[in-house]
Amino acid sequence: MRAFSMMLLAALICGSPLAAKTPRLDATDLDQARERTRVIPGDLCSTATALSRGATVEIDLCQAWNDYDPGAFGCSSCALPGPEVVYTLDTQAGEQLRIVTSVSAGAADVRLYLATDCADPLGTCLVASATGGAGLDITLVQGGALYLFVDTTDECGTVSVTRQEAASTASTTWGALKAIYY
């Protein structure tokens, strides 16, 4: 009963009473379905694309699958059974990482989460956006490869994702600092 209550609460927090009830395909079903459809870049960890500093990408989440789950009340504040894509980020220690999103078509309730291991986003989650469209803003303690998951509660849509240029402790020239504010 407690598990059901937690799932219902997670679904209500994210605004979709059906979010916690969406069934997931098992690995065999997923492989068979993928053979009949195309896989977009970033739909799987193996096809994740780089999102460089200052870059903006536009992605149609309606073409993606629901492959990863950050876990309701684990990494994310709610269940995210909608489609998602994964981007790789090359980061530096001390970097102020800012990711912003906007929905240009559809009704996607976009959530972001950042992990150190693409295959285990729940176990290696660093931060997740608390509400739809909130973006991420974090100062990184360690640098290296990170994985940005652009996920939804259940609806899909076309989403723009921007990794803003930001100065790090390794790059604190006057020009780099000015670039943040101008």
N, C-alpha and C. Protein backbone atom coordinates (compact mmCIF):
# COMPACT_ATOMS: atom_id res chain seq x y z
N MET A 1 0.82 -1.18 0.00
CA MET A 1 0.00 0.00 0.00
C MET A 1 0.87 1.25 0.00
N ARG A 2 1.98 1.22 0.77
CA ARG A 2 2.86 2.37 0.83
C ARG A 2 3.48 2.64 -0.55
N ALA A 3 3.88 1.59 -1.28
CA ALA A 3 4.48 1.78 -2.61
C ALA A 3 3.48 2.43 -3.54
N PHE A 4 2.21 2.00 -3.49
CA PHE A 4 1.19 2.61 -4.34
C PHE A 4 1.01 4.08 -3.97
N SER A 5 0.99 4.39 -2.68
CA SER A 5 0.83 5.77 -2.23
C SER A 5 1.97 6.64 -2.73
N MET A 6 3.20 6.13 -2.69
CA MET A 6 4.35 6.87 -3.17
C MET A 6 4.26 7.10 -4.67
N MET A 7 3.83 6.08 -5.43
CA MET A 7 3.69 6.22 -6.88
C MET A 7 2.61 7.24 -7.21
N LEU A 8 1.50 7.20 -6.49
CA LEU A 8 0.43 8.15 -6.74
C LEU A 8 0.88 9.56 -6.41
N LEU A 9 1.58 9.73 -5.30
CA LEU A 9 2.10 11.05 -4.94
C LEU A 9 3.09 11.54 -5.99
N ALA A 10 3.97 10.68 -6.47
CA ALA A 10 4.93 11.07 -7.51
C ALA A 10 4.20 11.49 -8.77
N ALA A 11 3.17 10.78 -9.14
CA ALA A 11 2.41 11.13 -10.34
C ALA A 11 1.70 12.46 -10.18
N LEU A 12 1.13 12.70 -9.03
CA LEU A 12 0.42 13.95 -8.80
C LEU A 12 1.36 15.15 -8.76
N ILE A 13 2.54 14.98 -8.16
CA ILE A 13 3.51 16.06 -8.11
C ILE A 13 3.91 16.46 -9.52
N CYS A 14 4.06 15.52 -10.41
CA CYS A 14 4.47 15.80 -11.78
C CYS A 14 3.30 16.20 -12.66
N GLY A 15 2.11 16.20 -12.15
CA GLY A 15 0.97 16.71 -12.89
C GLY A 15 0.25 15.70 -13.76
N SER A 16 0.60 14.45 -13.69
CA SER A 16 -0.06 13.46 -14.53
C SER A 16 -0.54 12.29 -13.68
N PRO A 17 -1.85 12.10 -13.54
CA PRO A 17 -2.32 10.99 -12.73
C PRO A 17 -1.97 9.63 -13.33
N LEU A 18 -1.60 9.58 -14.61
CA LEU A 18 -1.26 8.31 -15.24
C LEU A 18 0.24 8.07 -15.27
N ALA A 19 1.04 9.05 -14.88
CA ALA A 19 2.49 8.94 -15.02
C ALA A 19 3.05 7.70 -14.34
N ALA A 20 2.58 7.38 -13.15
CA ALA A 20 3.12 6.24 -12.42
C ALA A 20 2.60 4.91 -12.94
N LYS A 21 1.57 4.90 -13.79
CA LYS A 21 0.98 3.67 -14.28
C LYS A 21 1.47 3.27 -15.66
N THR A 22 2.27 4.11 -16.33
CA THR A 22 2.71 3.81 -17.67
C THR A 22 3.60 2.58 -17.66
N PRO A 23 3.23 1.53 -18.40
CA PRO A 23 4.04 0.31 -18.38
C PRO A 23 5.35 0.50 -19.14
N ARG A 24 6.37 -0.18 -18.71
CA ARG A 24 7.66 -0.15 -19.39
C ARG A 24 7.80 -1.44 -20.19
N LEU A 25 8.42 -1.34 -21.33
CA LEU A 25 8.68 -2.53 -22.13
C LEU A 25 9.86 -3.28 -21.55
N ASP A 26 9.82 -4.62 -21.65
CA ASP A 26 11.01 -5.35 -21.23
C ASP A 26 12.03 -5.29 -22.36
N ALA A 27 13.24 -5.76 -22.10
CA ALA A 27 14.34 -5.62 -23.07
C ALA A 27 14.03 -6.27 -24.41
N THR A 28 13.38 -7.43 -24.40
CA THR A 28 13.05 -8.11 -25.66
C THR A 28 12.03 -7.32 -26.46
N ASP A 29 10.97 -6.83 -25.81
CA ASP A 29 9.97 -6.01 -26.49
C ASP A 29 10.60 -4.75 -27.07
N LEU A 30 11.48 -4.14 -26.30
CA LEU A 30 12.13 -2.91 -26.73
C LEU A 30 13.00 -3.16 -27.95
N ASP A 31 13.80 -4.22 -27.92
CA ASP A 31 14.65 -4.55 -29.07
C ASP A 31 13.82 -4.82 -30.32
N GLN A 32 12.73 -5.55 -30.18
CA GLN A 32 11.88 -5.85 -31.33
C GLN A 32 11.21 -4.60 -31.87
N ALA A 33 10.75 -3.73 -30.98
CA ALA A 33 10.11 -2.49 -31.43
C ALA A 33 11.11 -1.58 -32.12
N ARG A 34 12.32 -1.53 -31.63
CA ARG A 34 13.33 -0.68 -32.23
C ARG A 34 13.71 -1.15 -33.63
N GLU A 35 13.66 -2.47 -33.86
CA GLU A 35 13.98 -2.98 -35.18
C GLU A 35 12.99 -2.46 -36.22
N ARG A 36 11.77 -2.15 -35.78
CA ARG A 36 10.74 -1.69 -36.70
C ARG A 36 10.72 -0.16 -36.84
N THR A 37 11.44 0.55 -36.00
CA THR A 37 11.44 2.01 -36.03
C THR A 37 12.88 2.52 -36.01
N ARG A 38 13.02 3.80 -36.28
CA ARG A 38 14.36 4.37 -36.25
C ARG A 38 14.68 4.85 -34.83
N VAL A 39 15.95 4.87 -34.52
CA VAL A 39 16.41 5.37 -33.23
C VAL A 39 17.09 6.71 -33.49
N ILE A 40 16.68 7.73 -32.79
CA ILE A 40 17.28 9.05 -32.98
C ILE A 40 18.56 9.17 -32.17
N PRO A 41 19.47 10.05 -32.57
CA PRO A 41 20.70 10.25 -31.78
C PRO A 41 20.36 10.64 -30.34
N GLY A 42 21.02 9.99 -29.41
CA GLY A 42 20.80 10.29 -28.00
C GLY A 42 19.68 9.50 -27.36
N ASP A 43 18.99 8.66 -28.13
CA ASP A 43 17.91 7.88 -27.54
C ASP A 43 18.44 6.83 -26.57
N LEU A 44 19.66 6.39 -26.79
CA LEU A 44 20.32 5.43 -25.91
C LEU A 44 21.67 5.98 -25.49
N CYS A 45 22.22 5.45 -24.42
CA CYS A 45 23.57 5.87 -23.99
C CYS A 45 24.58 5.65 -25.12
N SER A 46 24.42 4.57 -25.85
CA SER A 46 25.36 4.26 -26.93
C SER A 46 25.28 5.25 -28.09
N THR A 47 24.20 6.01 -28.18
CA THR A 47 24.07 7.00 -29.26
C THR A 47 24.05 8.43 -28.72
N ALA A 48 24.43 8.60 -27.45
CA ALA A 48 24.44 9.94 -26.85
C ALA A 48 25.37 10.86 -27.64
N THR A 49 24.94 12.09 -27.84
CA THR A 49 25.74 13.06 -28.58
C THR A 49 26.25 14.13 -27.62
N ALA A 50 27.35 14.76 -28.02
CA ALA A 50 27.97 15.78 -27.17
C ALA A 50 27.18 17.08 -27.23
N LEU A 51 27.07 17.72 -26.09
CA LEU A 51 26.48 19.06 -25.99
C LEU A 51 27.60 19.96 -25.47
N SER A 52 28.19 20.73 -26.37
CA SER A 52 29.34 21.56 -26.00
C SER A 52 28.90 22.88 -25.38
N ARG A 53 29.83 23.55 -24.75
CA ARG A 53 29.56 24.84 -24.11
C ARG A 53 29.06 25.84 -25.16
N GLY A 54 27.98 26.53 -24.83
CA GLY A 54 27.41 27.53 -25.73
C GLY A 54 26.51 26.96 -26.82
N ALA A 55 26.34 25.65 -26.86
CA ALA A 55 25.55 25.01 -27.92
C ALA A 55 24.07 24.93 -27.56
N THR A 56 23.23 25.01 -28.60
CA THR A 56 21.79 24.79 -28.46
C THR A 56 21.41 23.71 -29.46
N VAL A 57 20.64 22.75 -28.99
CA VAL A 57 20.13 21.69 -29.87
C VAL A 57 18.61 21.67 -29.77
N GLU A 58 17.97 21.25 -30.84
CA GLU A 58 16.52 21.08 -30.82
C GLU A 58 16.24 19.61 -31.10
N ILE A 59 15.40 19.02 -30.27
CA ILE A 59 15.12 17.59 -30.37
C ILE A 59 13.62 17.34 -30.32
N ASP A 60 13.17 16.43 -31.16
CA ASP A 60 11.76 16.01 -31.15
C ASP A 60 11.65 14.79 -30.25
N LEU A 61 11.22 15.00 -29.03
CA LEU A 61 11.11 13.89 -28.08
C LEU A 61 10.05 12.88 -28.47
N CYS A 62 9.17 13.24 -29.40
CA CYS A 62 8.15 12.28 -29.85
C CYS A 62 8.78 11.13 -30.63
N GLN A 63 10.04 11.31 -31.07
CA GLN A 63 10.75 10.26 -31.79
C GLN A 63 11.59 9.39 -30.86
N ALA A 64 11.64 9.73 -29.59
CA ALA A 64 12.46 9.01 -28.62
C ALA A 64 11.63 7.99 -27.84
N TRP A 65 12.32 7.13 -27.13
CA TRP A 65 11.70 6.10 -26.31
C TRP A 65 11.96 6.39 -24.83
N ASN A 66 11.22 5.71 -23.97
CA ASN A 66 11.45 5.77 -22.53
C ASN A 66 12.38 4.62 -22.16
N ASP A 67 13.67 4.91 -22.04
CA ASP A 67 14.65 3.88 -21.75
C ASP A 67 15.22 3.94 -20.34
N TYR A 68 15.21 5.12 -19.73
CA TYR A 68 15.86 5.31 -18.44
C TYR A 68 14.89 5.92 -17.46
N ASP A 69 15.10 5.62 -16.18
CA ASP A 69 14.22 6.15 -15.15
C ASP A 69 15.06 6.60 -13.97
N PRO A 70 15.00 7.89 -13.63
CA PRO A 70 15.80 8.36 -12.50
C PRO A 70 15.22 7.97 -11.15
N GLY A 71 14.06 7.37 -11.15
CA GLY A 71 13.44 6.93 -9.91
C GLY A 71 12.72 8.04 -9.18
N ALA A 72 11.44 7.87 -8.97
CA ALA A 72 10.67 8.85 -8.21
C ALA A 72 11.21 8.92 -6.80
N PHE A 73 11.49 10.12 -6.35
CA PHE A 73 12.03 10.40 -5.02
C PHE A 73 13.43 9.85 -4.83
N GLY A 74 14.07 9.39 -5.89
CA GLY A 74 15.47 8.99 -5.83
C GLY A 74 16.30 10.16 -6.33
N CYS A 75 16.37 10.29 -7.63
CA CYS A 75 17.06 11.41 -8.24
C CYS A 75 16.05 12.52 -8.55
N SER A 76 14.94 12.14 -9.13
CA SER A 76 13.91 13.10 -9.54
C SER A 76 12.83 13.19 -8.46
N SER A 77 12.10 14.30 -8.49
CA SER A 77 11.01 14.46 -7.52
C SER A 77 9.76 13.71 -7.95
N CYS A 78 9.80 13.07 -9.13
CA CYS A 78 8.63 12.35 -9.62
C CYS A 78 9.04 11.27 -10.61
N ALA A 79 8.11 10.40 -10.94
CA ALA A 79 8.34 9.38 -11.96
C ALA A 79 8.41 10.07 -13.31
N LEU A 80 9.29 9.58 -14.19
CA LEU A 80 9.44 10.16 -15.53
C LEU A 80 9.30 9.06 -16.58
N PRO A 81 8.07 8.61 -16.83
CA PRO A 81 7.86 7.52 -17.78
C PRO A 81 7.80 7.98 -19.24
N GLY A 82 8.05 9.24 -19.51
CA GLY A 82 8.00 9.74 -20.88
C GLY A 82 9.30 9.51 -21.62
N PRO A 83 9.33 9.88 -22.88
CA PRO A 83 10.55 9.70 -23.69
C PRO A 83 11.67 10.62 -23.23
N GLU A 84 12.91 10.19 -23.46
CA GLU A 84 14.06 11.01 -23.12
C GLU A 84 15.19 10.81 -24.10
N VAL A 85 16.12 11.76 -24.10
CA VAL A 85 17.36 11.66 -24.86
C VAL A 85 18.52 11.94 -23.90
N VAL A 86 19.71 11.50 -24.29
CA VAL A 86 20.90 11.63 -23.46
C VAL A 86 21.97 12.40 -24.23
N TYR A 87 22.60 13.34 -23.54
CA TYR A 87 23.73 14.08 -24.09
C TYR A 87 24.95 13.88 -23.21
N THR A 88 26.13 13.88 -23.80
CA THR A 88 27.36 13.83 -23.03
C THR A 88 27.88 15.25 -22.85
N LEU A 89 28.43 15.51 -21.69
CA LEU A 89 28.99 16.81 -21.38
C LEU A 89 30.43 16.63 -20.92
N ASP A 90 31.34 17.37 -21.53
CA ASP A 90 32.73 17.40 -21.08
C ASP A 90 32.82 18.57 -20.11
N THR A 91 33.19 18.31 -18.86
CA THR A 91 33.15 19.36 -17.83
C THR A 91 34.50 19.52 -17.15
N GLN A 92 34.64 20.64 -16.46
CA GLN A 92 35.84 20.94 -15.68
C GLN A 92 35.46 21.12 -14.21
N ALA A 93 36.37 20.77 -13.32
CA ALA A 93 36.14 21.01 -11.89
C ALA A 93 35.97 22.50 -11.68
N GLY A 94 34.96 22.87 -10.90
CA GLY A 94 34.70 24.27 -10.61
C GLY A 94 33.81 24.96 -11.63
N GLU A 95 33.47 24.27 -12.70
CA GLU A 95 32.64 24.86 -13.75
C GLU A 95 31.22 25.13 -13.23
N GLN A 96 30.68 26.27 -13.59
CA GLN A 96 29.28 26.60 -13.30
C GLN A 96 28.48 26.10 -14.51
N LEU A 97 27.80 24.97 -14.36
CA LEU A 97 27.06 24.36 -15.46
C LEU A 97 25.63 24.87 -15.44
N ARG A 98 25.21 25.46 -16.55
CA ARG A 98 23.84 25.96 -16.67
C ARG A 98 23.21 25.37 -17.93
N ILE A 99 22.09 24.68 -17.73
CA ILE A 99 21.33 24.10 -18.84
C ILE A 99 19.93 24.68 -18.78
N VAL A 100 19.46 25.22 -19.90
CA VAL A 100 18.09 25.74 -19.97
C VAL A 100 17.35 25.05 -21.11
N THR A 101 16.03 24.94 -20.94
CA THR A 101 15.20 24.30 -21.95
C THR A 101 14.00 25.17 -22.28
N SER A 102 13.45 24.95 -23.45
CA SER A 102 12.17 25.57 -23.82
C SER A 102 11.46 24.62 -24.77
N VAL A 103 10.15 24.54 -24.63
CA VAL A 103 9.34 23.68 -25.48
C VAL A 103 8.80 24.54 -26.62
N SER A 104 9.14 24.16 -27.85
CA SER A 104 8.68 24.95 -29.00
C SER A 104 7.45 24.34 -29.67
N ALA A 105 7.16 23.08 -29.41
CA ALA A 105 5.96 22.43 -29.95
C ALA A 105 5.57 21.27 -29.05
N GLY A 106 4.29 21.07 -28.85
CA GLY A 106 3.82 19.98 -28.02
C GLY A 106 3.61 20.42 -26.58
N ALA A 107 3.34 19.43 -25.73
CA ALA A 107 3.00 19.71 -24.33
C ALA A 107 3.97 19.02 -23.38
N ALA A 108 5.22 18.89 -23.76
CA ALA A 108 6.20 18.18 -22.93
C ALA A 108 6.46 18.92 -21.62
N ASP A 109 6.43 18.19 -20.52
CA ASP A 109 6.81 18.68 -19.20
C ASP A 109 8.25 18.21 -19.01
N VAL A 110 9.20 19.03 -19.43
CA VAL A 110 10.60 18.62 -19.52
C VAL A 110 11.28 18.67 -18.15
N ARG A 111 11.97 17.58 -17.84
CA ARG A 111 12.77 17.47 -16.61
C ARG A 111 14.18 17.09 -17.02
N LEU A 112 15.16 17.59 -16.30
CA LEU A 112 16.56 17.29 -16.57
C LEU A 112 17.17 16.59 -15.37
N TYR A 113 18.10 15.68 -15.63
CA TYR A 113 18.91 15.14 -14.56
C TYR A 113 20.28 14.82 -15.10
N LEU A 114 21.26 14.92 -14.22
CA LEU A 114 22.67 14.80 -14.57
C LEU A 114 23.25 13.63 -13.80
N ALA A 115 23.96 12.73 -14.51
CA ALA A 115 24.53 11.55 -13.87
C ALA A 115 25.96 11.33 -14.34
N THR A 116 26.73 10.59 -13.54
CA THR A 116 28.11 10.28 -13.92
C THR A 116 28.21 8.98 -14.70
N ASP A 117 27.20 8.11 -14.61
CA ASP A 117 27.19 6.83 -15.32
C ASP A 117 25.89 6.72 -16.09
N CYS A 118 25.98 6.69 -17.40
CA CYS A 118 24.78 6.68 -18.23
C CYS A 118 23.92 5.43 -17.99
N ALA A 119 24.55 4.31 -17.74
CA ALA A 119 23.80 3.07 -17.55
C ALA A 119 23.11 3.01 -16.18
N ASP A 120 23.50 3.89 -15.26
CA ASP A 120 22.92 3.88 -13.91
C ASP A 120 22.59 5.30 -13.47
N PRO A 121 21.62 5.94 -14.12
CA PRO A 121 21.31 7.33 -13.75
C PRO A 121 20.77 7.48 -12.33
N LEU A 122 20.07 6.49 -11.83
CA LEU A 122 19.54 6.57 -10.47
C LEU A 122 20.68 6.51 -9.45
N GLY A 123 21.59 5.59 -9.64
CA GLY A 123 22.68 5.39 -8.69
C GLY A 123 23.77 6.44 -8.74
N THR A 124 23.87 7.16 -9.88
CA THR A 124 24.97 8.13 -10.02
C THR A 124 24.46 9.55 -10.27
N CYS A 125 23.21 9.80 -9.94
CA CYS A 125 22.61 11.11 -10.17
C CYS A 125 23.27 12.18 -9.31
N LEU A 126 23.61 13.30 -9.94
CA LEU A 126 24.19 14.44 -9.22
C LEU A 126 23.13 15.46 -8.85
N VAL A 127 22.21 15.73 -9.78
CA VAL A 127 21.19 16.76 -9.57
C VAL A 127 20.06 16.54 -10.58
N ALA A 128 18.88 16.96 -10.21
CA ALA A 128 17.73 16.89 -11.12
C ALA A 128 16.92 18.18 -10.98
N SER A 129 16.27 18.58 -12.06
CA SER A 129 15.41 19.76 -11.98
C SER A 129 14.19 19.41 -11.14
N ALA A 130 13.76 20.36 -10.33
CA ALA A 130 12.66 20.11 -9.40
C ALA A 130 11.29 20.24 -10.05
N THR A 131 11.20 21.10 -11.06
CA THR A 131 9.92 21.31 -11.74
C THR A 131 10.15 21.33 -13.24
N GLY A 132 9.08 21.17 -13.99
CA GLY A 132 9.17 21.19 -15.44
C GLY A 132 9.70 22.51 -15.96
N GLY A 133 10.62 22.44 -16.90
CA GLY A 133 11.18 23.63 -17.52
C GLY A 133 12.14 24.42 -16.65
N ALA A 134 12.51 23.88 -15.48
CA ALA A 134 13.34 24.64 -14.54
C ALA A 134 14.80 24.73 -14.96
N GLY A 135 15.28 23.80 -15.75
CA GLY A 135 16.69 23.80 -16.12
C GLY A 135 17.55 23.33 -14.96
N LEU A 136 18.86 23.40 -15.17
CA LEU A 136 19.82 23.01 -14.13
C LEU A 136 20.85 24.11 -13.97
N ASP A 137 21.31 24.30 -12.76
CA ASP A 137 22.37 25.26 -12.45
C ASP A 137 23.16 24.67 -11.30
N ILE A 138 24.40 24.23 -11.58
CA ILE A 138 25.19 23.55 -10.56
C ILE A 138 26.66 23.91 -10.74
N THR A 139 27.37 24.08 -9.64
CA THR A 139 28.82 24.23 -9.68
C THR A 139 29.41 22.85 -9.46
N LEU A 140 30.19 22.40 -10.42
CA LEU A 140 30.73 21.04 -10.39
C LEU A 140 31.97 20.96 -9.52
N VAL A 141 32.00 19.99 -8.63
CA VAL A 141 33.15 19.77 -7.76
C VAL A 141 34.26 19.08 -8.54
N GLN A 142 33.88 18.09 -9.36
CA GLN A 142 34.84 17.35 -10.17
C GLN A 142 34.50 17.55 -11.64
N GLY A 143 35.50 17.47 -12.47
CA GLY A 143 35.29 17.54 -13.91
C GLY A 143 35.27 16.14 -14.50
N GLY A 144 35.05 16.09 -15.80
CA GLY A 144 35.03 14.81 -16.50
C GLY A 144 33.75 14.66 -17.31
N ALA A 145 33.52 13.46 -17.78
CA ALA A 145 32.34 13.18 -18.61
C ALA A 145 31.11 13.03 -17.72
N LEU A 146 30.05 13.74 -18.09
CA LEU A 146 28.75 13.62 -17.41
C LEU A 146 27.69 13.35 -18.46
N TYR A 147 26.54 12.86 -18.01
CA TYR A 147 25.43 12.55 -18.91
C TYR A 147 24.22 13.38 -18.51
N LEU A 148 23.70 14.13 -19.46
CA LEU A 148 22.52 14.94 -19.25
C LEU A 148 21.33 14.21 -19.86
N PHE A 149 20.33 13.92 -19.05
CA PHE A 149 19.11 13.28 -19.51
C PHE A 149 18.03 14.35 -19.64
N VAL A 150 17.46 14.45 -20.83
CA VAL A 150 16.34 15.36 -21.08
C VAL A 150 15.12 14.47 -21.14
N ASP A 151 14.29 14.50 -20.12
CA ASP A 151 13.21 13.53 -19.93
C ASP A 151 11.87 14.26 -19.80
N THR A 152 10.79 13.51 -19.82
CA THR A 152 9.45 14.08 -19.67
C THR A 152 8.60 13.22 -18.74
N THR A 153 7.55 13.85 -18.19
CA THR A 153 6.66 13.10 -17.32
C THR A 153 5.80 12.13 -18.11
N ASP A 154 5.34 12.49 -19.27
CA ASP A 154 4.64 11.55 -20.15
C ASP A 154 4.40 12.09 -21.55
N GLU A 155 4.17 13.35 -21.71
CA GLU A 155 3.91 13.92 -23.03
C GLU A 155 5.22 14.17 -23.75
N CYS A 156 5.14 14.27 -25.08
CA CYS A 156 6.33 14.57 -25.86
C CYS A 156 6.17 15.93 -26.52
N GLY A 157 7.20 16.35 -27.21
CA GLY A 157 7.18 17.62 -27.90
C GLY A 157 8.56 17.95 -28.44
N THR A 158 8.67 19.09 -29.09
CA THR A 158 9.96 19.55 -29.59
C THR A 158 10.55 20.49 -28.55
N VAL A 159 11.79 20.21 -28.18
CA VAL A 159 12.43 20.91 -27.07
C VAL A 159 13.78 21.46 -27.51
N SER A 160 14.06 22.70 -27.11
CA SER A 160 15.40 23.28 -27.29
C SER A 160 16.15 23.14 -25.98
N VAL A 161 17.39 22.70 -26.08
CA VAL A 161 18.25 22.53 -24.91
C VAL A 161 19.51 23.36 -25.15
N THR A 162 19.82 24.24 -24.20
CA THR A 162 21.00 25.10 -24.33
C THR A 162 21.93 24.89 -23.15
N ARG A 163 23.20 24.66 -23.47
CA ARG A 163 24.24 24.62 -22.45
C ARG A 163 24.91 25.99 -22.50
N GLN A 164 24.65 26.79 -21.50
CA GLN A 164 25.17 28.15 -21.52
C GLN A 164 26.66 28.18 -21.26
N GLU A 165 27.32 29.11 -21.91
CA GLU A 165 28.74 29.34 -21.71
C GLU A 165 28.92 29.91 -20.31
N ALA A 166 29.83 29.38 -19.53
CA ALA A 166 30.05 29.88 -18.17
C ALA A 166 31.52 29.78 -17.83
N ALA A 167 31.99 30.73 -17.06
CA ALA A 167 33.39 30.71 -16.62
C ALA A 167 33.56 29.66 -15.53
N SER A 168 34.70 29.04 -15.49
CA SER A 168 35.02 28.09 -14.43
C SER A 168 36.18 28.66 -13.62
N THR A 169 36.53 27.97 -12.57
CA THR A 169 37.67 28.43 -11.79
C THR A 169 38.95 28.33 -12.61
N ALA A 170 38.96 27.46 -13.62
CA ALA A 170 40.13 27.32 -14.48
C ALA A 170 40.14 28.39 -15.57
N SER A 171 39.03 29.10 -15.75
CA SER A 171 38.91 30.10 -16.81
C SER A 171 38.29 31.37 -16.25
N THR A 172 39.06 32.12 -15.49
CA THR A 172 38.51 33.32 -14.88
C THR A 172 39.15 34.59 -15.43
N THR A 173 39.37 34.63 -16.72
CA THR A 173 39.86 35.85 -17.34
C THR A 173 38.73 36.86 -17.34
N TRP A 174 39.06 38.14 -17.48
CA TRP A 174 38.06 39.18 -17.52
C TRP A 174 37.06 38.92 -18.65
N GLY A 175 37.53 38.52 -19.80
CA GLY A 175 36.65 38.24 -20.95
C GLY A 175 35.68 37.10 -20.66
N ALA A 176 36.16 36.04 -19.99
CA ALA A 176 35.30 34.90 -19.67
C ALA A 176 34.23 35.29 -18.66
N LEU A 177 34.61 36.08 -17.67
CA LEU A 177 33.65 36.53 -16.68
C LEU A 177 32.61 37.48 -17.30
N LYS A 178 33.06 38.36 -18.18
CA LYS A 178 32.13 39.30 -18.83
C LYS A 178 31.12 38.54 -19.71
N ALA A 179 31.57 37.45 -20.31
CA ALA A 179 30.70 36.68 -21.21
C ALA A 179 29.49 36.10 -20.49
N ILE A 180 29.58 35.88 -19.19
CA ILE A 180 28.47 35.35 -18.43
C ILE A 180 27.34 36.37 -18.35
N TYR A 181 27.71 37.64 -18.24
CA TYR A 181 26.71 38.67 -17.97
C TYR A 181 26.32 39.49 -19.19
N TYR A 182 27.05 39.40 -20.27
CA TYR A 182 26.72 40.21 -21.46
C TYR A 182 26.46 39.35 -22.65
